[in-house]
């Protein structure tokens, strides 16, 4: 009985060995095929011309979903009603950085608490009280409010 069991064990071991050998050979076929040079085809191949390639049109976006640029607000000008100081901030406690004579034009950049952030004709930037300016009617709603 012992020799029969030994023979069966050898046969099953041989089968496992053959199976492992077969798996090794089959798994190596992919690397061998990749190492071979490409085989020529019986048909000639040509590069595709750009004019032959079809151009697919992209769908037109929905006009309601297209973002639109907001218009740049026009810079308003104010006229100095009374010769006045230009200050470094919106209030009488701020330092004087310049002055504008009566009738001078200033560009209105911002507003806060009854004061307008202005640029004078000579390029000085500062703040002037609304009380010394003749403002266009749309200034209170058009000139942006400056948040401290």
Protein backbone atom coordinates (compact mmCIF):
# COMPACT_ATOMS: atom_id res chain seq x y z
CA UNK A 1 0.00 0.00 0.00
CA UNK A 2 2.84 2.34 0.72
CA UNK A 3 4.26 2.14 -2.86
CA UNK A 4 0.84 3.01 -4.38
CA UNK A 5 0.45 6.10 -2.17
CA UNK A 6 3.98 7.17 -3.04
CA UNK A 7 3.25 6.79 -6.75
CA UNK A 8 0.05 8.86 -6.48
CA UNK A 9 1.90 11.56 -4.57
CA UNK A 10 4.59 11.67 -7.24
CA UNK A 11 2.00 11.95 -10.02
CA UNK A 12 0.15 14.78 -8.28
CA UNK A 13 3.48 16.54 -7.59
CA UNK A 14 4.40 16.13 -11.24
CA UNK A 15 1.05 17.60 -12.29
CA UNK A 16 1.57 20.61 -10.02
CA UNK A 17 5.09 21.05 -11.41
CA UNK A 18 3.82 20.87 -15.00
CA UNK A 19 1.04 23.33 -14.20
CA UNK A 20 3.52 25.78 -12.69
CA UNK A 21 5.81 25.38 -15.70
CA UNK A 22 2.89 26.00 -18.07
CA UNK A 23 1.89 29.14 -16.14
CA UNK A 24 5.45 30.46 -16.28
CA UNK A 25 5.61 29.91 -20.03
CA UNK A 26 2.23 31.51 -20.68
CA UNK A 27 2.95 34.54 -18.50
CA UNK A 28 6.24 35.08 -20.33
CA UNK A 29 4.58 35.12 -23.77
CA UNK A 30 3.39 38.67 -23.29
CA UNK A 31 6.89 39.95 -22.60
CA UNK A 32 8.36 38.00 -25.50
CA UNK A 33 5.75 39.37 -27.95
CA UNK A 34 6.44 42.88 -26.69
CA UNK A 35 10.16 42.47 -27.34
CA UNK A 36 9.71 41.44 -30.97
CA UNK A 37 9.85 44.11 -33.71
CA UNK A 38 6.51 45.07 -35.28
CA UNK A 39 5.46 42.90 -38.18
CA UNK A 40 4.83 44.55 -41.54
CA UNK A 41 1.26 44.44 -42.82
CA UNK A 42 0.31 43.48 -46.36
CA UNK A 43 -1.53 46.82 -46.69
CA UNK A 44 0.25 50.15 -47.00
CA UNK A 45 -0.46 52.64 -44.25
CA UNK A 46 -0.46 56.40 -44.75
CA UNK A 47 -0.52 59.30 -42.34
CA UNK A 48 -3.96 60.80 -41.97
CA UNK A 49 -4.24 64.23 -43.53
CA UNK A 50 -5.63 67.04 -41.41
CA UNK A 51 -8.19 67.97 -44.08
CA UNK A 52 -9.59 64.44 -44.05
CA UNK A 53 -10.19 64.41 -40.29
CA UNK A 54 -13.79 65.43 -39.60
CA UNK A 55 -14.33 68.38 -37.30
CA UNK A 56 -17.07 67.82 -34.78
CA UNK A 57 -18.95 70.90 -33.73
CA UNK A 58 -19.36 71.55 -30.04
CA UNK A 59 -22.82 72.28 -28.70
CA UNK A 60 -23.76 75.94 -28.51
CA UNK A 61 -23.99 77.04 -24.88
CA UNK A 62 -27.32 78.17 -23.54
CA UNK A 63 -27.37 82.00 -23.66
CA UNK A 64 -28.85 82.21 -20.17
CA UNK A 65 -25.96 80.24 -18.65
CA UNK A 66 -23.18 82.21 -20.33
CA UNK A 67 -21.42 84.42 -17.80
CA UNK A 68 -21.44 88.05 -18.75
CA UNK A 69 -18.91 90.64 -17.76
CA UNK A 70 -20.29 93.38 -15.61
CA UNK A 71 -19.78 96.79 -17.16
CA UNK A 72 -17.02 98.89 -15.73
CA UNK A 73 -18.64 101.82 -13.98
CA UNK A 74 -17.85 105.20 -15.48
CA UNK A 75 -15.62 107.34 -13.32
CA UNK A 76 -17.57 110.39 -12.25
CA UNK A 77 -16.14 113.85 -11.78
CA UNK A 78 -17.06 116.37 -9.17
CA UNK A 79 -16.41 120.10 -9.17
CA UNK A 80 -14.96 121.83 -6.12
CA UNK A 81 -17.53 124.47 -5.03
CA UNK A 82 -15.25 126.15 -2.49
CA UNK A 83 -11.47 125.90 -2.33
CA UNK A 84 -10.91 123.03 0.08
CA UNK A 85 -8.36 120.67 1.58
CA UNK A 86 -7.79 117.10 0.54
CA UNK A 87 -7.31 114.86 3.59
CA UNK A 88 -5.68 111.46 4.09
CA UNK A 89 -8.94 109.95 5.38
CA UNK A 90 -12.69 110.60 5.57
CA UNK A 91 -12.86 113.16 8.38
CA UNK A 92 -11.54 116.42 9.77
CA UNK A 93 -9.13 114.62 12.11
CA UNK A 94 -7.06 113.26 9.20
CA UNK A 95 -3.95 115.07 7.91
CA UNK A 96 -4.19 117.51 4.98
CA UNK A 97 -2.38 116.07 1.94
CA UNK A 98 -3.29 118.79 -0.59
CA UNK A 99 -5.88 121.31 -1.67
CA UNK A 100 -8.01 122.13 -4.71
CA UNK A 101 -9.09 125.62 -5.76
CA UNK A 102 -12.70 126.60 -6.50
CA UNK A 103 -13.84 125.19 -9.85
CA UNK A 104 -11.24 122.40 -9.87
CA UNK A 105 -12.30 118.97 -11.12
CA UNK A 106 -11.74 115.81 -9.07
CA UNK A 107 -12.33 112.16 -9.96
CA UNK A 108 -14.68 110.42 -7.54
CA UNK A 109 -13.26 106.99 -6.57
CA UNK A 110 -15.26 106.05 -3.48
CA UNK A 111 -17.46 107.38 -0.70
CA UNK A 112 -18.01 106.91 3.02
CA UNK A 113 -19.98 108.83 5.63
CA UNK A 114 -20.46 112.02 3.57
CA UNK A 115 -16.87 112.07 2.30
CA UNK A 116 -15.63 111.23 -1.19
CA UNK A 117 -12.36 109.54 -2.05
CA UNK A 118 -10.93 111.69 -4.86
CA UNK A 119 -8.00 112.08 -7.22
CA UNK A 120 -7.04 115.68 -7.90
CA UNK A 121 -5.78 117.06 -11.25
CA UNK A 122 -2.19 116.88 -10.00
CA UNK A 123 -2.61 113.17 -9.02
CA UNK A 124 -3.03 113.62 -5.27
CA UNK A 125 -5.30 110.98 -3.78
CA UNK A 126 -7.31 111.69 -0.67
CA UNK A 127 -10.74 112.54 0.74
CA UNK A 128 -12.98 115.61 0.42
CA UNK A 129 -16.24 116.40 2.17
CA UNK A 130 -19.41 116.23 0.07
CA UNK A 131 -20.21 119.74 1.43
CA UNK A 132 -17.42 121.34 -0.65
CA UNK A 133 -18.21 119.43 -3.87
CA UNK A 134 -20.77 119.91 -6.62
CA UNK A 135 -21.65 116.29 -7.39
CA UNK A 136 -23.48 114.77 -10.35
CA UNK A 137 -26.98 113.55 -9.34
CA UNK A 138 -26.03 109.87 -9.80
CA UNK A 139 -22.92 110.08 -7.56
CA UNK A 140 -24.53 108.81 -4.34
CA UNK A 141 -25.73 105.63 -6.07
CA UNK A 142 -22.93 105.16 -8.62
CA UNK A 143 -19.74 105.85 -6.64
CA UNK A 144 -18.85 102.70 -4.65
CA UNK A 145 -18.94 102.78 -0.86
CA UNK A 146 -15.53 102.21 0.71
CA UNK A 147 -15.60 99.80 3.63
CA UNK A 148 -12.93 100.43 6.29
